[in-house]
Protein backbone atom coordinates (compact mmCIF):
# COMPACT_ATOMS: atom_id res chain seq x y z
CA UNK A 1 36.87 4.62 -8.76
CA UNK A 2 34.18 3.32 -6.41
CA UNK A 3 31.35 5.27 -7.86
CA UNK A 4 29.14 2.13 -8.57
CA UNK A 5 29.77 0.94 -4.92
CA UNK A 6 28.69 4.17 -3.53
CA UNK A 7 25.57 4.23 -5.75
CA UNK A 8 24.84 0.84 -4.42
CA UNK A 9 25.12 2.30 -0.88
CA UNK A 10 22.35 4.85 -1.63
CA UNK A 11 24.09 7.75 -3.23
CA UNK A 12 23.22 9.19 -6.58
CA UNK A 13 25.85 9.18 -9.38
CA UNK A 14 26.52 12.94 -8.92
CA UNK A 15 26.66 12.64 -5.17
CA UNK A 16 29.04 9.66 -5.39
CA UNK A 17 31.41 11.70 -7.80
CA UNK A 18 31.36 14.82 -5.57
CA UNK A 19 31.98 12.81 -2.48
CA UNK A 20 34.95 10.91 -4.06
CA UNK A 21 36.25 14.34 -5.33
CA UNK A 22 35.92 15.73 -1.82
CA UNK A 23 37.95 12.71 -0.21
CA UNK A 24 40.73 13.27 -2.74
CA UNK A 25 40.88 16.96 -2.34
CA UNK A 26 40.37 17.53 1.28
CA UNK A 27 39.12 21.07 2.24
CA UNK A 28 38.15 22.64 -1.01
CA UNK A 29 35.76 25.04 -2.74
CA UNK A 30 32.63 24.03 -4.82
CA UNK A 31 34.46 25.32 -7.89
CA UNK A 32 37.26 22.77 -7.43
CA UNK A 33 34.87 20.07 -6.44
CA UNK A 34 32.96 20.50 -9.69
CA UNK A 35 36.10 20.56 -11.71
CA UNK A 36 37.43 17.56 -10.02
CA UNK A 37 34.34 15.53 -10.18
CA UNK A 38 33.28 16.44 -13.73
CA UNK A 39 29.75 17.36 -12.37
CA UNK A 40 28.33 20.77 -13.43
CA UNK A 41 28.79 23.50 -10.87
CA UNK A 42 25.11 24.14 -10.30
CA UNK A 43 24.56 20.31 -9.81
CA UNK A 44 27.58 20.14 -7.48
CA UNK A 45 25.98 22.68 -5.11
CA UNK A 46 22.93 20.51 -5.12
CA UNK A 47 25.03 17.28 -4.49
CA UNK A 48 26.93 19.02 -1.58
CA UNK A 49 23.56 19.94 0.08
CA UNK A 50 22.28 16.42 -0.24
CA UNK A 51 25.60 15.08 1.16
CA UNK A 52 25.33 17.44 4.09
CA UNK A 53 21.88 16.07 4.86
CA UNK A 54 23.17 12.57 4.75
CA UNK A 55 26.05 13.55 7.18
CA UNK A 56 28.79 12.76 4.77
CA UNK A 57 29.90 16.44 4.12
CA UNK A 58 30.37 19.52 5.94
CA UNK A 59 31.20 23.15 5.18
CA UNK A 60 32.45 26.46 6.61
CA UNK A 61 33.13 30.02 5.36
CA UNK A 62 36.64 31.31 4.79
CA UNK A 63 36.93 34.77 3.47
CA UNK A 64 33.45 34.76 2.21
CA UNK A 65 34.15 31.33 0.36
CA UNK A 66 32.30 28.28 1.13
CA UNK A 67 34.89 25.53 1.96
CA UNK A 68 33.67 21.86 1.82
CA UNK A 69 35.18 18.75 3.12
CA UNK A 70 34.13 15.10 3.23
CA UNK A 71 33.24 13.57 6.44
CA UNK A 72 34.88 10.08 7.37
CA UNK A 73 33.65 7.34 5.12
CA UNK A 74 32.59 5.50 8.32
CA UNK A 75 29.76 7.92 8.25
CA UNK A 76 28.38 6.07 5.20
CA UNK A 77 28.34 2.80 7.18
CA UNK A 78 26.45 4.53 9.99
CA UNK A 79 23.89 5.93 7.54
CA UNK A 80 23.22 2.58 6.19
CA UNK A 81 22.94 1.03 9.68
CA UNK A 82 20.48 3.72 10.65
CA UNK A 83 18.48 3.14 7.53
CA UNK A 84 18.53 -0.63 8.36
CA UNK A 85 17.25 0.09 11.97
CA UNK A 86 14.50 2.24 10.75
CA UNK A 87 13.40 -0.41 8.23
CA UNK A 88 13.45 -3.16 10.92
CA UNK A 89 11.27 -0.98 13.10
CA UNK A 90 8.43 -0.53 10.53
CA UNK A 91 8.86 -3.87 8.78
CA UNK A 92 6.22 -5.67 10.71
CA UNK A 93 3.68 -2.80 9.70
CA UNK A 94 4.69 -2.99 6.17
CA UNK A 95 4.20 -6.76 5.91
CA UNK A 96 0.77 -6.28 7.44
CA UNK A 97 -0.16 -3.89 4.68
CA UNK A 98 1.26 -6.30 2.18
CA UNK A 99 -0.89 -9.03 3.53
CA UNK A 100 -3.97 -6.88 3.13
CA UNK A 101 -2.92 -6.25 -0.49
CA UNK A 102 -2.68 -9.99 -1.17
CA UNK A 103 -6.28 -10.44 0.01
CA UNK A 104 -7.71 -7.72 -2.24
CA UNK A 105 -9.59 -8.91 -5.30
CA UNK A 106 -7.55 -9.00 -8.59
CA UNK A 107 -9.72 -7.72 -11.45
CA UNK A 108 -8.97 -7.89 -15.18
CA UNK A 109 -11.18 -5.95 -17.74
CA UNK A 110 -11.47 -6.80 -21.38
CA UNK A 111 -13.05 -4.89 -24.24
CA UNK A 112 -13.94 -5.77 -27.77
CA UNK A 113 -16.32 -7.98 -29.67
CA UNK A 114 -14.33 -11.08 -28.75
CA UNK A 115 -13.64 -10.25 -25.06
CA UNK A 116 -15.72 -13.20 -24.03
CA UNK A 117 -12.90 -15.40 -25.23
CA UNK A 118 -10.67 -14.08 -22.51
CA UNK A 119 -13.06 -15.38 -19.73
CA UNK A 120 -13.79 -18.81 -21.47
CA UNK A 121 -10.11 -19.19 -22.35
CA UNK A 122 -9.32 -18.71 -18.65
CA UNK A 123 -11.81 -21.37 -17.67
CA UNK A 124 -9.82 -23.92 -19.77
CA UNK A 125 -6.76 -23.33 -17.52
CA UNK A 126 -8.48 -25.42 -14.80
CA UNK A 127 -8.82 -29.05 -16.02
CA UNK A 128 -10.57 -31.75 -13.88
CA UNK A 129 -12.69 -29.03 -12.27
CA UNK A 130 -16.20 -27.88 -12.33
CA UNK A 131 -17.67 -24.74 -14.04
CA UNK A 132 -20.95 -23.22 -12.83
CA UNK A 133 -22.70 -20.73 -15.14
CA UNK A 134 -25.78 -18.61 -15.67
CA UNK A 135 -26.25 -18.27 -19.58
CA UNK A 136 -28.72 -16.51 -21.75
CA UNK A 137 -29.48 -17.24 -25.46
CA UNK A 138 -27.04 -14.54 -26.66
CA UNK A 139 -24.05 -16.93 -26.39
CA UNK A 140 -25.60 -18.95 -29.24
CA UNK A 141 -24.77 -16.08 -31.65
CA UNK A 142 -21.16 -17.04 -31.10
CA UNK A 143 -21.86 -20.62 -31.54
CA UNK A 144 -18.82 -21.56 -33.63
CA UNK A 145 -16.54 -20.60 -30.87
CA UNK A 146 -18.43 -22.67 -28.37
CA UNK A 147 -19.31 -25.71 -30.26
CA UNK A 148 -16.13 -26.12 -32.36
CA UNK A 149 -13.55 -24.90 -29.76
CA UNK A 150 -14.64 -24.30 -26.20
CA UNK A 151 -16.90 -27.21 -25.59
CA UNK A 152 -14.56 -29.81 -27.20
CA UNK A 153 -11.69 -28.35 -25.32
CA UNK A 154 -13.79 -28.32 -22.03
CA UNK A 155 -14.65 -31.97 -22.46
CA UNK A 156 -11.06 -32.86 -23.31
CA UNK A 157 -9.91 -31.22 -20.13
CA UNK A 158 -12.72 -32.90 -18.09
CA UNK A 159 -14.31 -29.68 -17.00
CA UNK A 160 -17.89 -30.59 -16.00
CA UNK A 161 -20.44 -27.71 -16.08
CA UNK A 162 -23.73 -27.04 -14.53
CA UNK A 163 -25.72 -24.32 -16.05
CA UNK A 164 -28.74 -22.26 -15.05
CA UNK A 165 -30.84 -21.04 -18.05
CA UNK A 166 -33.75 -18.73 -18.17
CA UNK A 167 -36.66 -20.76 -19.41
CA UNK A 168 -37.51 -20.03 -23.07
CA UNK A 169 -37.98 -22.17 -26.16
CA UNK A 170 -34.57 -21.45 -27.57
CA UNK A 171 -32.69 -22.47 -24.42
CA UNK A 172 -34.89 -25.53 -23.91
CA UNK A 173 -33.34 -26.83 -27.23
CA UNK A 174 -29.80 -26.27 -25.80
CA UNK A 175 -30.57 -28.02 -22.52
CA UNK A 176 -31.70 -31.12 -24.44
CA UNK A 177 -28.02 -31.43 -25.68
CA UNK A 178 -26.52 -32.05 -22.24
CA UNK A 179 -25.03 -35.46 -22.83
CA UNK A 180 -23.31 -34.25 -26.03
CA UNK A 181 -21.96 -31.08 -24.46
CA UNK A 182 -20.79 -32.73 -21.21
CA UNK A 183 -23.07 -30.55 -18.75
CA UNK A 184 -26.13 -30.63 -16.66
CA UNK A 185 -28.66 -27.84 -16.79
CA UNK A 186 -31.85 -26.42 -15.09
CA UNK A 187 -34.35 -24.14 -16.54
CA UNK A 188 -35.35 -21.43 -14.14
CA UNK A 189 -39.18 -20.69 -14.58
CA UNK A 190 -39.36 -17.56 -12.56
CA UNK A 191 -39.90 -14.22 -14.55
CA UNK A 192 -37.64 -12.62 -11.91
CA UNK A 193 -34.64 -14.75 -13.13
CA UNK A 194 -33.38 -12.33 -15.82
CA UNK A 195 -29.89 -13.10 -17.15
CA UNK A 196 -28.64 -10.08 -19.14
CA UNK A 197 -25.04 -11.07 -18.86
CA UNK A 198 -23.33 -14.41 -18.57
CA UNK A 199 -21.66 -15.54 -15.29
CA UNK A 200 -19.18 -18.38 -14.85
CA UNK A 201 -17.74 -19.41 -11.55
CA UNK A 202 -14.72 -21.47 -11.93
CA UNK A 203 -11.28 -22.49 -10.65
CA UNK A 204 -10.87 -22.20 -7.01
CA UNK A 205 -11.51 -18.44 -6.69
CA UNK A 206 -12.53 -16.88 -10.04
CA UNK A 207 -15.64 -15.42 -11.37
CA UNK A 208 -16.01 -14.36 -15.10
CA UNK A 209 -18.60 -11.97 -16.37
CA UNK A 210 -19.53 -11.41 -20.07
CA UNK A 211 -21.87 -8.78 -21.54
CA UNK A 212 -22.15 -9.48 -25.17
CA UNK A 213 -24.17 -6.27 -25.96
CA UNK A 214 -21.57 -4.03 -24.26
CA UNK A 215 -18.62 -6.14 -25.64
CA UNK A 216 -16.90 -6.24 -22.27
CA UNK A 217 -15.70 -9.06 -20.06
CA UNK A 218 -14.41 -9.13 -16.56
CA UNK A 219 -12.30 -11.72 -14.52
CA UNK A 220 -12.49 -11.29 -10.75
CA UNK A 221 -10.05 -13.39 -8.71
CA UNK A 222 -11.30 -13.25 -5.12
CA UNK A 223 -12.14 -16.15 -2.75
CA UNK A 224 -14.88 -14.23 -0.97
CA UNK A 225 -16.53 -13.10 -4.22
CA UNK A 226 -16.19 -16.62 -5.68
CA UNK A 227 -17.68 -18.32 -2.67
CA UNK A 228 -20.58 -15.92 -2.44
CA UNK A 229 -21.57 -16.22 -5.95
CA UNK A 230 -21.24 -19.99 -5.78
CA UNK A 231 -23.62 -20.10 -2.71
CA UNK A 232 -26.20 -18.01 -4.68
CA UNK A 233 -25.89 -20.37 -7.54
CA UNK A 234 -26.18 -23.52 -5.37
CA UNK A 235 -29.29 -22.03 -3.70
CA UNK A 236 -31.16 -21.50 -7.05
CA UNK A 237 -29.97 -24.82 -8.36
CA UNK A 238 -31.38 -26.68 -5.34
CA UNK A 239 -34.70 -24.80 -5.60
CA UNK A 240 -35.01 -25.44 -9.32
CA UNK A 241 -36.85 -28.51 -10.64
CA UNK A 242 -35.15 -29.85 -13.67
CA UNK A 243 -37.22 -29.50 -16.83
CA UNK A 244 -35.21 -31.82 -19.13
CA UNK A 245 -33.99 -35.42 -19.08
CA UNK A 246 -30.95 -36.31 -16.98
CA UNK A 247 -28.21 -38.17 -18.72
């Protein structure tokens, strides 16, 4: 039996069984096709119709009985060749669509009280790199993760960080520990600089967003979004006067 080969050529299993039965029986009825192929009679009718559409089977009426017969197997080769020509014709357009898809941002969404770990864990996958961030004081509520795991790992992997903090007494204390935590910071004095979520810009094309209150985190992989957010960060960084000692 060549059922598997016929399936590889594009026929369903039932179509392959009915077609093989038709080749063996010659001109025959649907009843005999069903019996020979082992396919249910109602399903055989459907398989015959599908094979007719593919040009692999024909039928005529004899004394009010439908007589079926298989077309030459060369028709199968012609069918495959026609499919290949059709695919070759539209392939450039399909590839153009694929290129557009490749350029679309890839977004991963995380929920839960510890969803922030998905973002900062991803940052650690890019050693010998720089991380840019805008942080607020809420991250300090998760200090054990940052002081005992993330920061030591970040230092070990030589991931330098530049951080923009909103100016307040609590974050001034954090900023004084730059040398210990392997980062450089600036305190933004403007009341308009309100940091309700944390943003990290890292890797070559990634932006991470963390909302502790909403217990959500997002990783966006997009060159354009990365570069745009980085340019915003750099503008604010250049305009901000450091309010702590440089180490």
